[in-house]
PDB file of all heavy atoms in Angstrom:
ATOM      1  N   THR A   1      33.723  31.039 -89.358  1.00  0.00           N
ATOM      2  CA  THR A   1      33.295  29.927 -90.195  1.00  0.00           C
ATOM      3  C   THR A   1      34.193  29.825 -91.422  1.00  0.00           C
ATOM      4  O   THR A   1      35.190  30.521 -91.552  1.00  0.00           O
ATOM      5  CB  THR A   1      31.831  30.099 -90.648  1.00  0.00           C
ATOM      6  OG1 THR A   1      31.763  31.177 -91.580  1.00  0.00           O
ATOM      7  CG2 THR A   1      30.920  30.413 -89.464  1.00  0.00           C
ATOM      8  N   ALA A   2      33.800  28.955 -92.317  1.00  0.00           N
ATOM      9  CA  ALA A   2      34.564  28.779 -93.559  1.00  0.00           C
ATOM     10  C   ALA A   2      34.063  29.704 -94.664  1.00  0.00           C
ATOM     11  O   ALA A   2      34.457  29.572 -95.818  1.00  0.00           O
ATOM     12  CB  ALA A   2      34.475  27.324 -94.019  1.00  0.00           C
ATOM     13  N   VAL A   3      33.188  30.646 -94.307  1.00  0.00           N
ATOM     14  CA  VAL A   3      32.637  31.542 -95.325  1.00  0.00           C
ATOM     15  C   VAL A   3      33.744  32.433 -95.877  1.00  0.00           C
ATOM     16  O   VAL A   3      34.535  32.999 -95.132  1.00  0.00           O
ATOM     17  CB  VAL A   3      31.509  32.412 -94.724  1.00  0.00           C
ATOM     18  CG1 VAL A   3      31.054  33.466 -95.725  1.00  0.00           C
ATOM     19  CG2 VAL A   3      30.340  31.533 -94.320  1.00  0.00           C
ATOM     20  N   ARG A   4      33.811  32.540 -97.169  1.00  0.00           N
ATOM     21  CA  ARG A   4      34.789  33.398 -97.819  1.00  0.00           C
ATOM     22  C   ARG A   4      34.079  34.223 -98.891  1.00  0.00           C
ATOM     23  O   ARG A   4      33.235  33.707 -99.624  1.00  0.00           O
ATOM     24  CB  ARG A   4      35.907  32.572 -98.474  1.00  0.00           C
ATOM     25  CG  ARG A   4      36.800  31.855 -97.476  1.00  0.00           C
ATOM     26  CD  ARG A   4      37.662  32.851 -96.696  1.00  0.00           C
ATOM     27  NE  ARG A   4      38.578  32.173 -95.799  1.00  0.00           N
ATOM     28  CZ  ARG A   4      38.289  31.834 -94.551  1.00  0.00           C
ATOM     29  NH1 ARG A   4      37.081  32.091 -94.069  1.00  0.00           N
ATOM     30  NH2 ARG A   4      39.184  31.234 -93.791  1.00  0.00           N
ATOM     31  N   ILE A   5      34.412  35.479 -98.968  1.00  0.00           N
ATOM     32  CA  ILE A   5      33.908  36.309-100.060  1.00  0.00           C
ATOM     33  C   ILE A   5      35.111  36.778-100.871  1.00  0.00           C
ATOM     34  O   ILE A   5      36.228  36.873-100.358  1.00  0.00           O
ATOM     35  CB  ILE A   5      33.103  37.523 -99.548  1.00  0.00           C
ATOM     36  CG1 ILE A   5      34.012  38.476 -98.740  1.00  0.00           C
ATOM     37  CG2 ILE A   5      31.910  37.095 -98.741  1.00  0.00           C
ATOM     38  CD1 ILE A   5      33.325  39.764 -98.348  1.00  0.00           C
ATOM     39  N   ASN A   6      34.870  37.027-102.130  1.00  0.00           N
ATOM     40  CA  ASN A   6      35.941  37.483-103.000  1.00  0.00           C
ATOM     41  C   ASN A   6      36.197  38.958-102.707  1.00  0.00           C
ATOM     42  O   ASN A   6      35.507  39.844-103.203  1.00  0.00           O
ATOM     43  CB  ASN A   6      35.546  37.291-104.472  1.00  0.00           C
ATOM     44  CG  ASN A   6      36.720  37.501-105.404  1.00  0.00           C
ATOM     45  OD1 ASN A   6      37.556  38.366-105.181  1.00  0.00           O
ATOM     46  ND2 ASN A   6      36.776  36.700-106.455  1.00  0.00           N
ATOM     47  N   LEU A   7      37.210  39.215-101.877  1.00  0.00           N
ATOM     48  CA  LEU A   7      37.480  40.583-101.451  1.00  0.00           C
ATOM     49  C   LEU A   7      37.949  41.452-102.615  1.00  0.00           C
ATOM     50  O   LEU A   7      37.686  42.657-102.629  1.00  0.00           O
ATOM     51  CB  LEU A   7      38.529  40.586-100.337  1.00  0.00           C
ATOM     52  CG  LEU A   7      38.068  40.004 -98.998  1.00  0.00           C
ATOM     53  CD1 LEU A   7      39.208  40.034 -97.996  1.00  0.00           C
ATOM     54  CD2 LEU A   7      36.881  40.785 -98.457  1.00  0.00           C
ATOM     55  N   THR A   8      38.623  40.844-103.586  1.00  0.00           N
ATOM     56  CA  THR A   8      39.064  41.619-104.738  1.00  0.00           C
ATOM     57  C   THR A   8      37.880  42.185-105.504  1.00  0.00           C
ATOM     58  O   THR A   8      37.840  43.378-105.840  1.00  0.00           O
ATOM     59  CB  THR A   8      39.926  40.751-105.674  1.00  0.00           C
ATOM     60  OG1 THR A   8      41.066  40.274-104.960  1.00  0.00           O
ATOM     61  CG2 THR A   8      40.380  41.562-106.888  1.00  0.00           C
ATOM     62  N   VAL A   9      36.883  41.323-105.749  1.00  0.00           N
ATOM     63  CA  VAL A   9      35.670  41.768-106.451  1.00  0.00           C
ATOM     64  C   VAL A   9      34.911  42.771-105.594  1.00  0.00           C
ATOM     65  O   VAL A   9      34.434  43.808-106.089  1.00  0.00           O
ATOM     66  CB  VAL A   9      34.773  40.561-106.801  1.00  0.00           C
ATOM     67  CG1 VAL A   9      33.448  41.032-107.391  1.00  0.00           C
ATOM     68  CG2 VAL A   9      35.487  39.632-107.784  1.00  0.00           C
ATOM     69  N   PHE A  10      34.800  42.480-104.301  1.00  0.00           N
ATOM     70  CA  PHE A  10      34.062  43.370-103.399  1.00  0.00           C
ATOM     71  C   PHE A  10      34.661  44.770-103.397  1.00  0.00           C
ATOM     72  O   PHE A  10      33.951  45.770-103.567  1.00  0.00           O
ATOM     73  CB  PHE A  10      34.070  42.798-101.980  1.00  0.00           C
ATOM     74  CG  PHE A  10      33.465  43.724-100.954  1.00  0.00           C
ATOM     75  CD1 PHE A  10      32.103  43.755-100.751  1.00  0.00           C
ATOM     76  CD2 PHE A  10      34.275  44.571-100.205  1.00  0.00           C
ATOM     77  CE1 PHE A  10      31.545  44.621 -99.817  1.00  0.00           C
ATOM     78  CE2 PHE A  10      33.726  45.429 -99.263  1.00  0.00           C
ATOM     79  CZ  PHE A  10      32.357  45.449 -99.073  1.00  0.00           C
ATOM     80  N   PHE A  11      35.971  44.870-103.207  1.00  0.00           N
ATOM     81  CA  PHE A  11      36.601  46.179-103.127  1.00  0.00           C
ATOM     82  C   PHE A  11      36.650  46.873-104.484  1.00  0.00           C
ATOM     83  O   PHE A  11      36.673  48.107-104.547  1.00  0.00           O
ATOM     84  CB  PHE A  11      38.010  46.053-102.542  1.00  0.00           C
ATOM     85  CG  PHE A  11      38.018  45.831-101.056  1.00  0.00           C
ATOM     86  CD1 PHE A  11      38.628  44.721-100.508  1.00  0.00           C
ATOM     87  CD2 PHE A  11      37.393  46.734-100.208  1.00  0.00           C
ATOM     88  CE1 PHE A  11      38.621  44.511 -99.138  1.00  0.00           C
ATOM     89  CE2 PHE A  11      37.389  46.537 -98.835  1.00  0.00           C
ATOM     90  CZ  PHE A  11      38.010  45.419 -98.293  1.00  0.00           C
ATOM     91  N   THR A  12      36.626  46.110-105.579  1.00  0.00           N
ATOM     92  CA  THR A  12      36.577  46.731-106.898  1.00  0.00           C
ATOM     93  C   THR A  12      35.219  47.366-107.145  1.00  0.00           C
ATOM     94  O   THR A  12      35.121  48.530-107.565  1.00  0.00           O
ATOM     95  CB  THR A  12      36.880  45.699-108.003  1.00  0.00           C
ATOM     96  OG1 THR A  12      38.202  45.183-107.820  1.00  0.00           O
ATOM     97  CG2 THR A  12      36.774  46.342-109.379  1.00  0.00           C
ATOM     98  N   VAL A  13      34.149  46.610-106.875  1.00  0.00           N
ATOM     99  CA  VAL A  13      32.789  47.121-107.107  1.00  0.00           C
ATOM    100  C   VAL A  13      32.496  48.305-106.196  1.00  0.00           C
ATOM    101  O   VAL A  13      32.027  49.364-106.645  1.00  0.00           O
ATOM    102  CB  VAL A  13      31.751  46.001-106.894  1.00  0.00           C
ATOM    103  CG1 VAL A  13      30.331  46.565-106.963  1.00  0.00           C
ATOM    104  CG2 VAL A  13      31.929  44.911-107.941  1.00  0.00           C
ATOM    105  N   THR A  14      32.765  48.139-104.897  1.00  0.00           N
ATOM    106  CA  THR A  14      32.501  49.243-103.968  1.00  0.00           C
ATOM    107  C   THR A  14      33.424  50.417-104.252  1.00  0.00           C
ATOM    108  O   THR A  14      33.046  51.575-104.046  1.00  0.00           O
ATOM    109  CB  THR A  14      32.676  48.786-102.514  1.00  0.00           C
ATOM    110  OG1 THR A  14      33.994  48.247-102.321  1.00  0.00           O
ATOM    111  CG2 THR A  14      31.638  47.742-102.146  1.00  0.00           C
ATOM    112  N   GLY A  15      34.631  50.133-104.748  1.00  0.00           N
ATOM    113  CA  GLY A  15      35.543  51.219-105.095  1.00  0.00           C
ATOM    114  C   GLY A  15      34.996  52.083-106.220  1.00  0.00           C
ATOM    115  O   GLY A  15      35.034  53.318-106.155  1.00  0.00           O
ATOM    116  N   VAL A  16      34.471  51.443-107.253  1.00  0.00           N
ATOM    117  CA  VAL A  16      33.877  52.185-108.368  1.00  0.00           C
ATOM    118  C   VAL A  16      32.696  53.024-107.885  1.00  0.00           C
ATOM    119  O   VAL A  16      32.572  54.216-108.229  1.00  0.00           O
ATOM    120  CB  VAL A  16      33.429  51.221-109.474  1.00  0.00           C
ATOM    121  CG1 VAL A  16      32.575  51.949-110.517  1.00  0.00           C
ATOM    122  CG2 VAL A  16      34.635  50.583-110.154  1.00  0.00           C
ATOM    123  N   LEU A  17      31.834  52.422-107.092  1.00  0.00           N
ATOM    124  CA  LEU A  17      30.673  53.159-106.588  1.00  0.00           C
ATOM    125  C   LEU A  17      31.097  54.325-105.704  1.00  0.00           C
ATOM    126  O   LEU A  17      30.529  55.423-105.778  1.00  0.00           O
ATOM    127  CB  LEU A  17      29.751  52.210-105.815  1.00  0.00           C
ATOM    128  CG  LEU A  17      29.028  51.153-106.652  1.00  0.00           C
ATOM    129  CD1 LEU A  17      28.233  50.216-105.759  1.00  0.00           C
ATOM    130  CD2 LEU A  17      28.104  51.819-107.675  1.00  0.00           C
ATOM    131  N   LEU A  18      32.111  54.108-104.861  1.00  0.00           N
ATOM    132  CA  LEU A  18      32.561  55.184-103.979  1.00  0.00           C
ATOM    133  C   LEU A  18      33.253  56.300-104.759  1.00  0.00           C
ATOM    134  O   LEU A  18      33.202  57.470-104.347  1.00  0.00           O
ATOM    135  CB  LEU A  18      33.505  54.624-102.909  1.00  0.00           C
ATOM    136  CG  LEU A  18      32.815  53.985-101.706  1.00  0.00           C
ATOM    137  CD1 LEU A  18      33.839  53.439-100.726  1.00  0.00           C
ATOM    138  CD2 LEU A  18      31.909  54.987-100.990  1.00  0.00           C
ATOM    139  N   ILE A  19      33.896  55.980-105.857  1.00  0.00           N
ATOM    140  CA  ILE A  19      34.473  57.030-106.698  1.00  0.00           C
ATOM    141  C   ILE A  19      33.367  57.931-107.245  1.00  0.00           C
ATOM    142  O   ILE A  19      33.491  59.160-107.272  1.00  0.00           O
ATOM    143  CB  ILE A  19      35.296  56.417-107.843  1.00  0.00           C
ATOM    144  CG1 ILE A  19      36.600  55.816-107.292  1.00  0.00           C
ATOM    145  CG2 ILE A  19      35.626  57.468-108.908  1.00  0.00           C
ATOM    146  CD1 ILE A  19      37.378  55.003-108.302  1.00  0.00           C
ATOM    147  N   LEU A  20      32.264  57.315-107.660  1.00  0.00           N
ATOM    148  CA  LEU A  20      31.124  58.104-108.150  1.00  0.00           C
ATOM    149  C   LEU A  20      30.482  58.903-107.014  1.00  0.00           C
ATOM    150  O   LEU A  20      30.062  60.048-107.217  1.00  0.00           O
ATOM    151  CB  LEU A  20      30.100  57.178-108.803  1.00  0.00           C
ATOM    152  CG  LEU A  20      30.578  56.446-110.062  1.00  0.00           C
ATOM    153  CD1 LEU A  20      29.498  55.507-110.580  1.00  0.00           C
ATOM    154  CD2 LEU A  20      30.980  57.446-111.140  1.00  0.00           C
ATOM    155  N   VAL A  21      30.420  58.311-105.821  1.00  0.00           N
ATOM    156  CA  VAL A  21      29.926  59.047-104.654  1.00  0.00           C
ATOM    157  C   VAL A  21      30.843  60.228-104.358  1.00  0.00           C
ATOM    158  O   VAL A  21      30.382  61.346-104.093  1.00  0.00           O
ATOM    159  CB  VAL A  21      29.826  58.119-103.427  1.00  0.00           C
ATOM    160  CG1 VAL A  21      29.555  58.928-102.155  1.00  0.00           C
ATOM    161  CG2 VAL A  21      28.719  57.086-103.626  1.00  0.00           C
ATOM    162  N   ALA A  22      32.152  59.997-104.401  1.00  0.00           N
ATOM    163  CA  ALA A  22      33.116  61.062-104.127  1.00  0.00           C
ATOM    164  C   ALA A  22      33.002  62.176-105.167  1.00  0.00           C
ATOM    165  O   ALA A  22      33.139  63.357-104.840  1.00  0.00           O
ATOM    166  CB  ALA A  22      34.534  60.490-104.119  1.00  0.00           C
ATOM    167  N   ALA A  23      32.759  61.804-106.421  1.00  0.00           N
ATOM    168  CA  ALA A  23      32.577  62.822-107.461  1.00  0.00           C
ATOM    169  C   ALA A  23      31.369  63.692-107.145  1.00  0.00           C
ATOM    170  O   ALA A  23      31.401  64.921-107.337  1.00  0.00           O
ATOM    171  CB  ALA A  23      32.412  62.148-108.829  1.00  0.00           C
ATOM    172  N   GLY A  24      30.299  63.057-106.636  1.00  0.00           N
ATOM    173  CA  GLY A  24      29.124  63.822-106.238  1.00  0.00           C
ATOM    174  C   GLY A  24      29.408  64.727-105.045  1.00  0.00           C
ATOM    175  O   GLY A  24      28.915  65.856-104.977  1.00  0.00           O
ATOM    176  N   ILE A  25      30.209  64.239-104.095  1.00  0.00           N
ATOM    177  CA  ILE A  25      30.581  65.063-102.937  1.00  0.00           C
ATOM    178  C   ILE A  25      31.411  66.261-103.393  1.00  0.00           C
ATOM    179  O   ILE A  25      31.230  67.386-102.907  1.00  0.00           O
ATOM    180  CB  ILE A  25      31.360  64.221-101.905  1.00  0.00           C
ATOM    181  CG1 ILE A  25      30.440  63.154-101.296  1.00  0.00           C
ATOM    182  CG2 ILE A  25      31.938  65.103-100.802  1.00  0.00           C
ATOM    183  CD1 ILE A  25      31.162  62.199-100.361  1.00  0.00           C
ATOM    184  N   LEU A  26      32.340  66.023-104.327  1.00  0.00           N
ATOM    185  CA  LEU A  26      33.152  67.121-104.851  1.00  0.00           C
ATOM    186  C   LEU A  26      32.264  68.141-105.563  1.00  0.00           C
ATOM    187  O   LEU A  26      32.471  69.359-105.422  1.00  0.00           O
ATOM    188  CB  LEU A  26      34.196  66.576-105.822  1.00  0.00           C
ATOM    189  CG  LEU A  26      35.113  67.623-106.475  1.00  0.00           C
ATOM    190  CD1 LEU A  26      35.917  68.373-105.424  1.00  0.00           C
ATOM    191  CD2 LEU A  26      36.042  66.961-107.492  1.00  0.00           C
ATOM    192  N   LYS A  27      31.309  67.660-106.329  1.00  0.00           N
ATOM    193  CA  LYS A  27      30.361  68.552-107.007  1.00  0.00           C
ATOM    194  C   LYS A  27      29.620  69.413-105.989  1.00  0.00           C
ATOM    195  O   LYS A  27      29.458  70.627-106.188  1.00  0.00           O
ATOM    196  CB  LYS A  27      29.378  67.714-107.826  1.00  0.00           C
ATOM    197  CG  LYS A  27      28.231  68.481-108.467  1.00  0.00           C
ATOM    198  CD  LYS A  27      27.403  67.558-109.326  1.00  0.00           C
ATOM    199  CE  LYS A  27      26.130  68.226-109.803  1.00  0.00           C
ATOM    200  NZ  LYS A  27      25.140  68.392-108.723  1.00  0.00           N
ATOM    201  N   TYR A  28      29.208  68.810-104.894  1.00  0.00           N
ATOM    202  CA  TYR A  28      28.515  69.575-103.855  1.00  0.00           C
ATOM    203  C   TYR A  28      29.462  70.572-103.198  1.00  0.00           C
ATOM    204  O   TYR A  28      29.074  71.696-102.869  1.00  0.00           O
ATOM    205  CB  TYR A  28      27.936  68.629-102.800  1.00  0.00           C
ATOM    206  CG  TYR A  28      26.986  69.305-101.844  1.00  0.00           C
ATOM    207  CD1 TYR A  28      25.626  69.372-102.123  1.00  0.00           C
ATOM    208  CD2 TYR A  28      27.442  69.902-100.670  1.00  0.00           C
ATOM    209  CE1 TYR A  28      24.748  70.008-101.266  1.00  0.00           C
ATOM    210  CE2 TYR A  28      26.575  70.534 -99.812  1.00  0.00           C
ATOM    211  CZ  TYR A  28      25.228  70.584-100.104  1.00  0.00           C
ATOM    212  OH  TYR A  28      24.367  71.231 -99.252  1.00  0.00           O
TER     213      TYR A  28
END
């Protein structure tokens, strides 16, 4: 379809969250 999402925003937000997840994994 013509649906478009802002991939830059998506990967920035999920990137920040995954960095925090990764920090928790490293802590474990």
